[in-house]
Amino acid sequence: MDILFLIGRIIFGGYFLQNAYNHFKHLDGLTKYAESKGVPSARAAVFVSGVLLMLGGLGVVFGISPEASLALLLIFLVPVTFKMHPFWKETDPNTRMQELLHFYKNLALIGAILMLFATEVPWAYNVLQ
């Protein structure tokens, strides 16, 4: 089972690493998007959220400080879910559906992180073993 957990960690953490890369590669575009959602200091917020994603994702993949890594991902996900994907404010059905999908995807990720908090620490196959 440890190997399945490791594979899951790599996939899960890799998801956040890919999003971190996207934040840095498309900083200007994501800044404009964040501005359109009313995010204050949007450029700094996008950059900092990329750092949270990168550190949290790396921690999950390599099993480094699991609780801290998961906390970083929660610090990113909880406000982003409600600020960036307020489906309840959308009047266009297509936009509302897109925001709803992102909102519930983020809730599922939050649920997965909460489950990972309940797993035994230290995680098997971490780089510090």
Protein backbone atom coordinates (compact mmCIF):
# COMPACT_ATOMS: atom_id res chain seq x y z
CA MET A 1 0.00 0.00 0.00
CA ASP A 2 2.93 2.34 0.59
CA ILE A 3 3.77 2.33 -3.11
CA LEU A 4 0.17 3.23 -4.03
CA PHE A 5 0.31 6.07 -1.54
CA LEU A 6 3.57 7.27 -3.12
CA ILE A 7 2.09 7.13 -6.64
CA GLY A 8 -0.94 9.06 -5.41
CA ARG A 9 1.32 11.63 -3.75
CA ILE A 10 3.28 12.14 -6.96
CA ILE A 11 0.10 12.62 -8.99
CA PHE A 12 -1.53 14.85 -6.37
CA GLY A 13 1.55 16.95 -5.68
CA GLY A 14 2.33 17.09 -9.40
CA TYR A 15 -1.06 18.68 -10.00
CA PHE A 16 -0.10 21.57 -7.71
CA LEU A 17 3.39 21.83 -9.23
CA GLN A 18 1.88 22.15 -12.71
CA ASN A 19 -0.37 24.92 -11.43
CA ALA A 20 2.61 26.66 -9.80
CA TYR A 21 4.46 26.54 -13.12
CA ASN A 22 1.39 28.02 -14.81
CA HIS A 23 1.28 30.86 -12.26
CA PHE A 24 4.89 31.81 -13.01
CA LYS A 25 4.77 31.27 -16.77
CA HIS A 26 1.51 33.19 -17.24
CA LEU A 27 1.97 35.77 -14.48
CA ASP A 28 0.75 38.68 -16.61
CA GLY A 29 -2.38 36.92 -17.86
CA LEU A 30 -3.28 35.56 -14.44
CA THR A 31 -2.70 38.99 -12.94
CA LYS A 32 -5.27 40.46 -15.33
CA TYR A 33 -7.70 37.65 -14.47
CA ALA A 34 -7.19 38.23 -10.73
CA GLU A 35 -7.73 41.96 -11.24
CA SER A 36 -11.01 41.20 -13.01
CA LYS A 37 -12.11 39.29 -9.89
CA GLY A 38 -11.25 42.24 -7.63
CA VAL A 39 -8.12 40.76 -6.06
CA PRO A 40 -6.08 43.52 -4.37
CA SER A 41 -2.37 43.64 -5.34
CA ALA A 42 -3.18 41.07 -7.99
CA ARG A 43 0.35 40.56 -9.33
CA ALA A 44 1.77 39.94 -5.87
CA ALA A 45 -1.18 37.67 -5.04
CA VAL A 46 -0.63 35.57 -8.17
CA PHE A 47 3.11 35.31 -7.46
CA VAL A 48 2.62 34.40 -3.79
CA SER A 49 -0.06 31.86 -4.69
CA GLY A 50 2.42 30.31 -7.15
CA VAL A 51 4.96 30.03 -4.33
CA LEU A 52 2.34 28.37 -2.07
CA LEU A 53 1.50 25.90 -4.84
CA MET A 54 5.16 25.15 -5.53
CA LEU A 55 6.19 24.63 -1.91
CA GLY A 56 3.06 22.65 -1.06
CA GLY A 57 3.35 20.50 -4.18
CA LEU A 58 7.04 19.78 -3.63
CA GLY A 59 6.36 18.89 0.00
CA VAL A 60 3.64 16.44 -0.98
CA VAL A 61 5.69 14.80 -3.75
CA PHE A 62 8.81 14.40 -1.62
CA GLY A 63 7.10 13.86 1.73
CA ILE A 64 8.81 16.86 3.31
CA SER A 65 6.97 18.36 6.29
CA PRO A 66 3.62 16.90 5.21
CA GLU A 67 1.49 18.95 7.61
CA ALA A 68 3.15 22.23 6.63
CA SER A 69 2.96 21.37 2.93
CA LEU A 70 -0.72 20.53 3.17
CA ALA A 71 -1.36 23.71 5.18
CA LEU A 72 0.25 25.78 2.39
CA LEU A 73 -2.10 24.19 -0.13
CA LEU A 74 -5.11 24.92 2.09
CA ILE A 75 -3.94 28.52 2.51
CA PHE A 76 -4.04 28.75 -1.29
CA LEU A 77 -7.23 26.79 -1.96
CA VAL A 78 -9.69 28.10 0.60
CA PRO A 79 -9.62 31.80 -0.32
CA VAL A 80 -9.13 31.12 -4.04
CA THR A 81 -12.16 28.85 -4.13
CA PHE A 82 -14.48 31.54 -2.82
CA LYS A 83 -12.83 34.64 -4.35
CA MET A 84 -12.05 33.36 -7.84
CA HIS A 85 -14.97 31.00 -8.47
CA PRO A 86 -18.15 32.66 -7.10
CA PHE A 87 -20.57 30.76 -9.32
CA TRP A 88 -23.51 32.20 -7.37
CA LYS A 89 -22.75 35.68 -8.80
CA GLU A 90 -22.79 34.60 -12.45
CA THR A 91 -25.84 35.20 -14.62
CA ASP A 92 -24.52 33.66 -17.85
CA PRO A 93 -25.30 29.90 -17.71
CA ASN A 94 -22.02 28.87 -19.38
CA THR A 95 -19.87 31.03 -17.13
CA ARG A 96 -21.85 29.89 -14.10
CA MET A 97 -21.24 26.23 -15.04
CA GLN A 98 -17.49 26.83 -15.49
CA GLU A 99 -17.23 28.57 -12.13
CA LEU A 100 -19.31 25.83 -10.49
CA LEU A 101 -16.97 23.15 -11.86
CA HIS A 102 -13.88 24.97 -10.58
CA PHE A 103 -15.52 25.64 -7.24
CA TYR A 104 -16.41 21.99 -6.65
CA LYS A 105 -13.06 20.76 -7.99
CA ASN A 106 -11.37 22.94 -5.39
CA LEU A 107 -13.70 21.63 -2.68
CA ALA A 108 -12.71 18.08 -3.67
CA LEU A 109 -9.03 19.03 -3.42
CA ILE A 110 -9.66 20.56 0.01
CA GLY A 111 -11.36 17.31 1.05
CA ALA A 112 -8.39 15.26 -0.18
CA ILE A 113 -5.99 17.47 1.76
CA LEU A 114 -8.06 17.05 4.92
CA MET A 115 -7.91 13.26 4.45
CA LEU A 116 -4.14 13.44 4.00
CA PHE A 117 -3.90 15.27 7.32
CA ALA A 118 -5.37 12.12 8.88
CA THR A 119 -2.67 9.82 7.48
CA GLU A 120 0.24 8.57 9.51
CA VAL A 121 3.29 10.83 9.55
CA PRO A 122 6.08 10.49 8.55
CA TRP A 123 4.93 9.35 5.15
CA ALA A 124 6.61 6.33 3.62
CA TYR A 125 9.25 7.08 0.98
CA ASN A 126 9.98 10.62 1.99
CA VAL A 127 13.32 12.10 1.04
CA LEU A 128 14.36 12.57 4.65
CA GLN A 129 14.37 8.84 5.46
